[in-house]
Amino acid sequence: MAIPTSATAPPSPRPATPTAAATLLPRAQIYVVEPGDTLALIARKVYGDAGLWQQIYDANKDTIGETPDALRVGMRLTIPPKS
């Protein structure tokens, strides 16, 4: 039985390196509205600042509608990166 004299392992795949743009730009998140949520409460949960509710509303006017208080349980909101 012949034994190979030089056994080499195949090269391990290199982990994907994110592009510079992907590293620098935070991504939007999705938040599912829960019972009792308001835009201010969601802003406090995700940004730590209830005063940023308008930023969430502006990103979701098509989903929420003309009234910022018209949240419904289960509604999926896009949470943009904090600006």
PDB file of N, CA and C in Angstrom:
ATOM      1  N   MET A   1       0.846  -1.164   0.000  1.00  0.00           N
ATOM      2  CA  MET A   1       0.000   0.000   0.000  1.00  0.00           C
ATOM      3  C   MET A   1       0.894   1.231   0.000  1.00  0.00           C
ATOM      4  N   ALA A   2       0.658   2.113  -0.895  1.00  0.00           N
ATOM      5  CA  ALA A   2       1.475   3.317  -1.023  1.00  0.00           C
ATOM      6  C   ALA A   2       0.917   4.413  -0.129  1.00  0.00           C
ATOM      7  N   ILE A   3       1.798   5.073   0.591  1.00  0.00           N
ATOM      8  CA  ILE A   3       1.407   6.199   1.442  1.00  0.00           C
ATOM      9  C   ILE A   3       1.910   7.458   0.773  1.00  0.00           C
ATOM     10  N   PRO A   4       1.027   8.439   0.608  1.00  0.00           N
ATOM     11  CA  PRO A   4       1.486   9.666  -0.054  1.00  0.00           C
ATOM     12  C   PRO A   4       2.588  10.322   0.784  1.00  0.00           C
ATOM     13  N   THR A   5       3.585  10.841   0.097  1.00  0.00           N
ATOM     14  CA  THR A   5       4.708  11.457   0.783  1.00  0.00           C
ATOM     15  C   THR A   5       4.417  12.891   1.194  1.00  0.00           C
ATOM     16  N   SER A   6       3.554  13.553   0.494  1.00  0.00           N
ATOM     17  CA  SER A   6       3.247  14.931   0.869  1.00  0.00           C
ATOM     18  C   SER A   6       1.741  15.128   0.807  1.00  0.00           C
ATOM     19  N   ALA A   7       1.131  15.048   1.950  1.00  0.00           N
ATOM     20  CA  ALA A   7      -0.309  15.276   2.024  1.00  0.00           C
ATOM     21  C   ALA A   7      -0.528  16.739   2.368  1.00  0.00           C
ATOM     22  N   THR A   8      -1.254  17.404   1.533  1.00  0.00           N
ATOM     23  CA  THR A   8      -1.556  18.807   1.814  1.00  0.00           C
ATOM     24  C   THR A   8      -3.059  18.972   1.877  1.00  0.00           C
ATOM     25  N   ALA A   9      -3.471  19.737   2.808  1.00  0.00           N
ATOM     26  CA  ALA A   9      -4.896  20.023   2.941  1.00  0.00           C
ATOM     27  C   ALA A   9      -5.271  21.077   1.914  1.00  0.00           C
ATOM     28  N   PRO A  10      -6.479  20.982   1.420  1.00  0.00           N
ATOM     29  CA  PRO A  10      -6.891  22.025   0.474  1.00  0.00           C
ATOM     30  C   PRO A  10      -6.921  23.372   1.178  1.00  0.00           C
ATOM     31  N   PRO A  11      -6.679  24.428   0.443  1.00  0.00           N
ATOM     32  CA  PRO A  11      -6.689  25.747   1.093  1.00  0.00           C
ATOM     33  C   PRO A  11      -8.067  26.048   1.675  1.00  0.00           C
ATOM     34  N   SER A  12      -8.072  26.606   2.882  1.00  0.00           N
ATOM     35  CA  SER A  12      -9.365  26.956   3.462  1.00  0.00           C
ATOM     36  C   SER A  12      -9.902  28.195   2.777  1.00  0.00           C
ATOM     37  N   PRO A  13     -11.209  28.221   2.607  1.00  0.00           N
ATOM     38  CA  PRO A  13     -11.782  29.404   1.962  1.00  0.00           C
ATOM     39  C   PRO A  13     -11.596  30.623   2.844  1.00  0.00           C
ATOM     40  N   ARG A  14     -11.302  31.725   2.213  1.00  0.00           N
ATOM     41  CA  ARG A  14     -11.133  32.973   2.955  1.00  0.00           C
ATOM     42  C   ARG A  14     -12.496  33.525   3.306  1.00  0.00           C
ATOM     43  N   PRO A  15     -12.644  34.051   4.518  1.00  0.00           N
ATOM     44  CA  PRO A  15     -13.940  34.646   4.851  1.00  0.00           C
ATOM     45  C   PRO A  15     -14.212  35.854   3.979  1.00  0.00           C
ATOM     46  N   ALA A  16     -15.460  36.036   3.671  1.00  0.00           N
ATOM     47  CA  ALA A  16     -15.838  37.185   2.839  1.00  0.00           C
ATOM     48  C   ALA A  16     -15.498  38.468   3.576  1.00  0.00           C
ATOM     49  N   THR A  17     -14.871  39.355   2.884  1.00  0.00           N
ATOM     50  CA  THR A  17     -14.528  40.650   3.461  1.00  0.00           C
ATOM     51  C   THR A  17     -15.549  41.667   2.985  1.00  0.00           C
ATOM     52  N   PRO A  18     -16.239  42.338   3.911  1.00  0.00           N
ATOM     53  CA  PRO A  18     -17.217  43.335   3.464  1.00  0.00           C
ATOM     54  C   PRO A  18     -16.524  44.487   2.761  1.00  0.00           C
ATOM     55  N   THR A  19     -17.232  45.076   1.854  1.00  0.00           N
ATOM     56  CA  THR A  19     -16.673  46.233   1.166  1.00  0.00           C
ATOM     57  C   THR A  19     -16.597  47.403   2.128  1.00  0.00           C
ATOM     58  N   ALA A  20     -15.836  48.384   1.789  1.00  0.00           N
ATOM     59  CA  ALA A  20     -15.696  49.558   2.648  1.00  0.00           C
ATOM     60  C   ALA A  20     -17.052  50.227   2.872  1.00  0.00           C
ATOM     61  N   ALA A  21     -17.868  50.293   1.835  1.00  0.00           N
ATOM     62  CA  ALA A  21     -19.178  50.943   1.967  1.00  0.00           C
ATOM     63  C   ALA A  21     -20.064  50.177   2.942  1.00  0.00           C
ATOM     64  N   ALA A  22     -20.039  48.856   2.858  1.00  0.00           N
ATOM     65  CA  ALA A  22     -20.865  48.053   3.752  1.00  0.00           C
ATOM     66  C   ALA A  22     -20.387  48.190   5.194  1.00  0.00           C
ATOM     67  N   THR A  23     -19.119  48.392   5.379  1.00  0.00           N
ATOM     68  CA  THR A  23     -18.572  48.530   6.717  1.00  0.00           C
ATOM     69  C   THR A  23     -18.932  49.881   7.314  1.00  0.00           C
ATOM     70  N   LEU A  24     -18.958  50.909   6.503  1.00  0.00           N
ATOM     71  CA  LEU A  24     -19.166  52.255   7.002  1.00  0.00           C
ATOM     72  C   LEU A  24     -20.629  52.640   7.153  1.00  0.00           C
ATOM     73  N   LEU A  25     -21.491  52.071   6.340  1.00  0.00           N
ATOM     74  CA  LEU A  25     -22.895  52.470   6.343  1.00  0.00           C
ATOM     75  C   LEU A  25     -23.732  51.465   7.120  1.00  0.00           C
ATOM     76  N   PRO A  26     -24.357  51.880   8.230  1.00  0.00           N
ATOM     77  CA  PRO A  26     -25.224  50.959   8.964  1.00  0.00           C
ATOM     78  C   PRO A  26     -26.463  50.628   8.139  1.00  0.00           C
ATOM     79  N   ARG A  27     -27.023  49.458   8.373  1.00  0.00           N
ATOM     80  CA  ARG A  27     -28.202  49.025   7.628  1.00  0.00           C
ATOM     81  C   ARG A  27     -29.471  49.318   8.413  1.00  0.00           C
ATOM     82  N   ALA A  28     -30.546  49.471   7.681  1.00  0.00           N
ATOM     83  CA  ALA A  28     -31.856  49.645   8.309  1.00  0.00           C
ATOM     84  C   ALA A  28     -32.257  48.317   8.951  1.00  0.00           C
ATOM     85  N   GLN A  29     -33.100  48.393   9.953  1.00  0.00           N
ATOM     86  CA  GLN A  29     -33.622  47.213  10.636  1.00  0.00           C
ATOM     87  C   GLN A  29     -35.129  47.157  10.427  1.00  0.00           C
ATOM     88  N   ILE A  30     -35.704  46.019  10.745  1.00  0.00           N
ATOM     89  CA  ILE A  30     -37.155  45.864  10.709  1.00  0.00           C
ATOM     90  C   ILE A  30     -37.628  45.704  12.152  1.00  0.00           C
ATOM     91  N   TYR A  31     -38.690  46.419  12.501  1.00  0.00           N
ATOM     92  CA  TYR A  31     -39.288  46.327  13.828  1.00  0.00           C
ATOM     93  C   TYR A  31     -40.743  45.944  13.642  1.00  0.00           C
ATOM     94  N   VAL A  32     -41.204  44.946  14.379  1.00  0.00           N
ATOM     95  CA  VAL A  32     -42.610  44.528  14.323  1.00  0.00           C
ATOM     96  C   VAL A  32     -43.336  45.160  15.513  1.00  0.00           C
ATOM     97  N   VAL A  33     -44.393  45.916  15.202  1.00  0.00           N
ATOM     98  CA  VAL A  33     -45.136  46.650  16.217  1.00  0.00           C
ATOM     99  C   VAL A  33     -45.799  45.678  17.190  1.00  0.00           C
ATOM    100  N   GLU A  34     -45.630  45.984  18.484  1.00  0.00           N
ATOM    101  CA  GLU A  34     -46.195  45.173  19.564  1.00  0.00           C
ATOM    102  C   GLU A  34     -47.338  45.941  20.228  1.00  0.00           C
ATOM    103  N   PRO A  35     -48.186  45.240  20.987  1.00  0.00           N
ATOM    104  CA  PRO A  35     -49.276  45.938  21.685  1.00  0.00           C
ATOM    105  C   PRO A  35     -48.723  47.055  22.576  1.00  0.00           C
ATOM    106  N   GLY A  36     -49.351  48.220  22.509  1.00  0.00           N
ATOM    107  CA  GLY A  36     -48.952  49.360  23.329  1.00  0.00           C
ATOM    108  C   GLY A  36     -47.864  50.228  22.725  1.00  0.00           C
ATOM    109  N   ASP A  37     -47.303  49.821  21.593  1.00  0.00           N
ATOM    110  CA  ASP A  37     -46.240  50.610  20.967  1.00  0.00           C
ATOM    111  C   ASP A  37     -46.762  51.931  20.411  1.00  0.00           C
ATOM    112  N   THR A  38     -45.942  52.928  20.531  1.00  0.00           N
ATOM    113  CA  THR A  38     -46.121  54.209  19.844  1.00  0.00           C
ATOM    114  C   THR A  38     -44.813  54.475  19.129  1.00  0.00           C
ATOM    115  N   LEU A  39     -44.803  55.425  18.217  1.00  0.00           N
ATOM    116  CA  LEU A  39     -43.551  55.746  17.528  1.00  0.00           C
ATOM    117  C   LEU A  39     -42.501  56.244  18.514  1.00  0.00           C
ATOM    118  N   ALA A  40     -42.917  57.011  19.510  1.00  0.00           N
ATOM    119  CA  ALA A  40     -41.967  57.507  20.512  1.00  0.00           C
ATOM    120  C   ALA A  40     -41.375  56.351  21.319  1.00  0.00           C
ATOM    121  N   LEU A  41     -42.203  55.383  21.690  1.00  0.00           N
ATOM    122  CA  LEU A  41     -41.713  54.233  22.450  1.00  0.00           C
ATOM    123  C   LEU A  41     -40.746  53.399  21.612  1.00  0.00           C
ATOM    124  N   ILE A  42     -41.077  53.207  20.349  1.00  0.00           N
ATOM    125  CA  ILE A  42     -40.195  52.457  19.455  1.00  0.00           C
ATOM    126  C   ILE A  42     -38.867  53.198  19.298  1.00  0.00           C
ATOM    127  N   ALA A  43     -38.934  54.521  19.122  1.00  0.00           N
ATOM    128  CA  ALA A  43     -37.704  55.314  18.987  1.00  0.00           C
ATOM    129  C   ALA A  43     -36.847  55.181  20.244  1.00  0.00           C
ATOM    130  N   ARG A  44     -37.482  55.166  21.404  1.00  0.00           N
ATOM    131  CA  ARG A  44     -36.721  55.008  22.645  1.00  0.00           C
ATOM    132  C   ARG A  44     -36.086  53.622  22.708  1.00  0.00           C
ATOM    133  N   LYS A  45     -36.821  52.586  22.272  1.00  0.00           N
ATOM    134  CA  LYS A  45     -36.290  51.217  22.284  1.00  0.00           C
ATOM    135  C   LYS A  45     -35.089  51.069  21.348  1.00  0.00           C
ATOM    136  N   VAL A  46     -35.214  51.588  20.124  1.00  0.00           N
ATOM    137  CA  VAL A  46     -34.171  51.329  19.126  1.00  0.00           C
ATOM    138  C   VAL A  46     -33.065  52.380  19.087  1.00  0.00           C
ATOM    139  N   TYR A  47     -33.384  53.621  19.416  1.00  0.00           N
ATOM    140  CA  TYR A  47     -32.388  54.696  19.356  1.00  0.00           C
ATOM    141  C   TYR A  47     -31.958  55.193  20.731  1.00  0.00           C
ATOM    142  N   GLY A  48     -32.766  54.893  21.756  1.00  0.00           N
ATOM    143  CA  GLY A  48     -32.486  55.440  23.074  1.00  0.00           C
ATOM    144  C   GLY A  48     -32.956  56.874  23.214  1.00  0.00           C
ATOM    145  N   ASP A  49     -33.791  57.341  22.279  1.00  0.00           N
ATOM    146  CA  ASP A  49     -34.269  58.726  22.284  1.00  0.00           C
ATOM    147  C   ASP A  49     -35.670  58.780  21.679  1.00  0.00           C
ATOM    148  N   ALA A  50     -36.674  58.976  22.525  1.00  0.00           N
ATOM    149  CA  ALA A  50     -38.062  59.013  22.059  1.00  0.00           C
ATOM    150  C   ALA A  50     -38.309  60.155  21.082  1.00  0.00           C
ATOM    151  N   GLY A  51     -37.508  61.205  21.166  1.00  0.00           N
ATOM    152  CA  GLY A  51     -37.676  62.358  20.290  1.00  0.00           C
ATOM    153  C   GLY A  51     -37.368  62.088  18.826  1.00  0.00           C
ATOM    154  N   LEU A  52     -36.810  60.929  18.526  1.00  0.00           N
ATOM    155  CA  LEU A  52     -36.484  60.599  17.126  1.00  0.00           C
ATOM    156  C   LEU A  52     -37.610  59.831  16.433  1.00  0.00           C
ATOM    157  N   TRP A  53     -38.826  59.874  17.000  1.00  0.00           N
ATOM    158  CA  TRP A  53     -39.953  59.154  16.411  1.00  0.00           C
ATOM    159  C   TRP A  53     -40.242  59.608  14.985  1.00  0.00           C
ATOM    160  N   GLN A  54     -40.034  60.884  14.689  1.00  0.00           N
ATOM    161  CA  GLN A  54     -40.329  61.427  13.359  1.00  0.00           C
ATOM    162  C   GLN A  54     -39.483  60.736  12.291  1.00  0.00           C
ATOM    163  N   GLN A  55     -38.252  60.384  12.633  1.00  0.00           N
ATOM    164  CA  GLN A  55     -37.375  59.703  11.687  1.00  0.00           C
ATOM    165  C   GLN A  55     -37.967  58.348  11.294  1.00  0.00           C
ATOM    166  N   ILE A  56     -38.540  57.644  12.258  1.00  0.00           N
ATOM    167  CA  ILE A  56     -39.180  56.354  11.974  1.00  0.00           C
ATOM    168  C   ILE A  56     -40.447  56.579  11.154  1.00  0.00           C
ATOM    169  N   TYR A  57     -41.230  57.577  11.526  1.00  0.00           N
ATOM    170  CA  TYR A  57     -42.460  57.873  10.784  1.00  0.00           C
ATOM    171  C   TYR A  57     -42.154  58.228   9.332  1.00  0.00           C
ATOM    172  N   ASP A  58     -41.175  59.098   9.115  1.00  0.00           N
ATOM    173  CA  ASP A  58     -40.832  59.515   7.759  1.00  0.00           C
ATOM    174  C   ASP A  58     -40.427  58.325   6.888  1.00  0.00           C
ATOM    175  N   ALA A  59     -39.773  57.342   7.482  1.00  0.00           N
ATOM    176  CA  ALA A  59     -39.338  56.165   6.724  1.00  0.00           C
ATOM    177  C   ALA A  59     -40.478  55.188   6.462  1.00  0.00           C
ATOM    178  N   ASN A  60     -41.620  55.384   7.137  1.00  0.00           N
ATOM    179  CA  ASN A  60     -42.712  54.417   7.044  1.00  0.00           C
ATOM    180  C   ASN A  60     -44.070  55.018   6.734  1.00  0.00           C
ATOM    181  N   LYS A  61     -44.102  56.215   6.164  1.00  0.00           N
ATOM    182  CA  LYS A  61     -45.387  56.862   5.868  1.00  0.00           C
ATOM    183  C   LYS A  61     -46.274  56.000   4.970  1.00  0.00           C
ATOM    184  N   ASP A  62     -45.677  55.290   4.027  1.00  0.00           N
ATOM    185  CA  ASP A  62     -46.473  54.438   3.140  1.00  0.00           C
ATOM    186  C   ASP A  62     -47.148  53.307   3.910  1.00  0.00           C
ATOM    187  N   THR A  63     -46.515  52.837   4.964  1.00  0.00           N
ATOM    188  CA  THR A  63     -47.063  51.742   5.759  1.00  0.00           C
ATOM    189  C   THR A  63     -48.039  52.251   6.810  1.00  0.00           C
ATOM    190  N   ILE A  64     -47.675  53.331   7.495  1.00  0.00           N
ATOM    191  CA  ILE A  64     -48.486  53.846   8.613  1.00  0.00           C
ATOM    192  C   ILE A  64     -49.662  54.674   8.127  1.00  0.00           C
ATOM    193  N   GLY A  65     -49.446  55.476   7.103  1.00  0.00           N
ATOM    194  CA  GLY A  65     -50.491  56.371   6.617  1.00  0.00           C
ATOM    195  C   GLY A  65     -50.256  57.791   7.083  1.00  0.00           C
ATOM    196  N   GLU A  66     -51.264  58.614   6.919  1.00  0.00           N
ATOM    197  CA  GLU A  66     -51.147  60.043   7.211  1.00  0.00           C
ATOM    198  C   GLU A  66     -51.129  60.376   8.702  1.00  0.00           C
ATOM    199  N   THR A  67     -51.552  59.440   9.546  1.00  0.00           N
ATOM    200  CA  THR A  67     -51.628  59.696  10.987  1.00  0.00           C
ATOM    201  C   THR A  67     -50.540  58.891  11.691  1.00  0.00           C
ATOM    202  N   PRO A  68     -49.584  59.555  12.337  1.00  0.00           N
ATOM    203  CA  PRO A  68     -48.496  58.829  13.005  1.00  0.00           C
ATOM    204  C   PRO A  68     -48.982  57.877  14.102  1.00  0.00           C
ATOM    205  N   ASP A  69     -50.162  58.132  14.655  1.00  0.00           N
ATOM    206  CA  ASP A  69     -50.684  57.281  15.725  1.00  0.00           C
ATOM    207  C   ASP A  69     -51.427  56.053  15.204  1.00  0.00           C
ATOM    208  N   ALA A  70     -51.419  55.827  13.918  1.00  0.00           N
ATOM    209  CA  ALA A  70     -52.197  54.738  13.333  1.00  0.00           C
ATOM    210  C   ALA A  70     -51.419  53.418  13.281  1.00  0.00           C
ATOM    211  N   LEU A  71     -50.611  53.128  14.301  1.00  0.00           N
ATOM    212  CA  LEU A  71     -49.870  51.870  14.329  1.00  0.00           C
ATOM    213  C   LEU A  71     -50.816  50.720  14.622  1.00  0.00           C
ATOM    214  N   ARG A  72     -50.548  49.579  14.004  1.00  0.00           N
ATOM    215  CA  ARG A  72     -51.320  48.363  14.258  1.00  0.00           C
ATOM    216  C   ARG A  72     -50.340  47.262  14.665  1.00  0.00           C
ATOM    217  N   VAL A  73     -50.752  46.435  15.614  1.00  0.00           N
ATOM    218  CA  VAL A  73     -49.929  45.313  16.058  1.00  0.00           C
ATOM    219  C   VAL A  73     -49.600  44.443  14.851  1.00  0.00           C
ATOM    220  N   GLY A  74     -48.334  44.068  14.736  1.00  0.00           N
ATOM    221  CA  GLY A  74     -47.880  43.225  13.633  1.00  0.00           C
ATOM    222  C   GLY A  74     -47.339  44.011  12.443  1.00  0.00           C
ATOM    223  N   MET A  75     -47.569  45.302  12.424  1.00  0.00           N
ATOM    224  CA  MET A  75     -47.065  46.147  11.351  1.00  0.00           C
ATOM    225  C   MET A  75     -45.533  46.070  11.348  1.00  0.00           C
ATOM    226  N   ARG A  76     -44.951  45.914  10.164  1.00  0.00           N
ATOM    227  CA  ARG A  76     -43.497  45.837  10.037  1.00  0.00           C
ATOM    228  C   ARG A  76     -42.969  47.203   9.610  1.00  0.00           C
ATOM    229  N   LEU A  77     -42.165  47.801  10.479  1.00  0.00           N
ATOM    230  CA  LEU A  77     -41.614  49.131  10.212  1.00  0.00           C
ATOM    231  C   LEU A  77     -40.126  49.042   9.904  1.00  0.00           C
ATOM    232  N   THR A  78     -39.711  49.829   8.950  1.00  0.00           N
ATOM    233  CA  THR A  78     -38.286  49.961   8.658  1.00  0.00           C
ATOM    234  C   THR A  78     -37.712  50.980   9.633  1.00  0.00           C
ATOM    235  N   ILE A  79     -36.665  50.588  10.333  1.00  0.00           N
ATOM    236  CA  ILE A  79     -35.993  51.487  11.271  1.00  0.00           C
ATOM    237  C   ILE A  79     -34.699  51.936  10.606  1.00  0.00           C
ATOM    238  N   PRO A  80     -34.674  53.184  10.134  1.00  0.00           N
ATOM    239  CA  PRO A  80     -33.456  53.652   9.452  1.00  0.00           C
ATOM    240  C   PRO A  80     -32.334  53.859  10.450  1.00  0.00           C
ATOM    241  N   PRO A  81     -31.101  53.868   9.973  1.00  0.00           N
ATOM    242  CA  PRO A  81     -29.981  54.161  10.874  1.00  0.00           C
ATOM    243  C   PRO A  81     -30.178  55.519  11.535  1.00  0.00           C
ATOM    244  N   LYS A  82     -29.789  55.623  12.779  1.00  0.00           N
ATOM    245  CA  LYS A  82     -29.919  56.865  13.542  1.00  0.00           C
ATOM    246  C   LYS A  82     -29.081  57.953  12.883  1.00  0.00           C
ATOM    247  N   SER A  83     -29.719  59.102  12.668  1.00  0.00           N
ATOM    248  CA  SER A  83     -28.940  60.185  12.051  1.00  0.00           C
ATOM    249  C   SER A  83     -28.763  61.328  13.014  1.00  0.00           C
TER     250      SER A  83
END
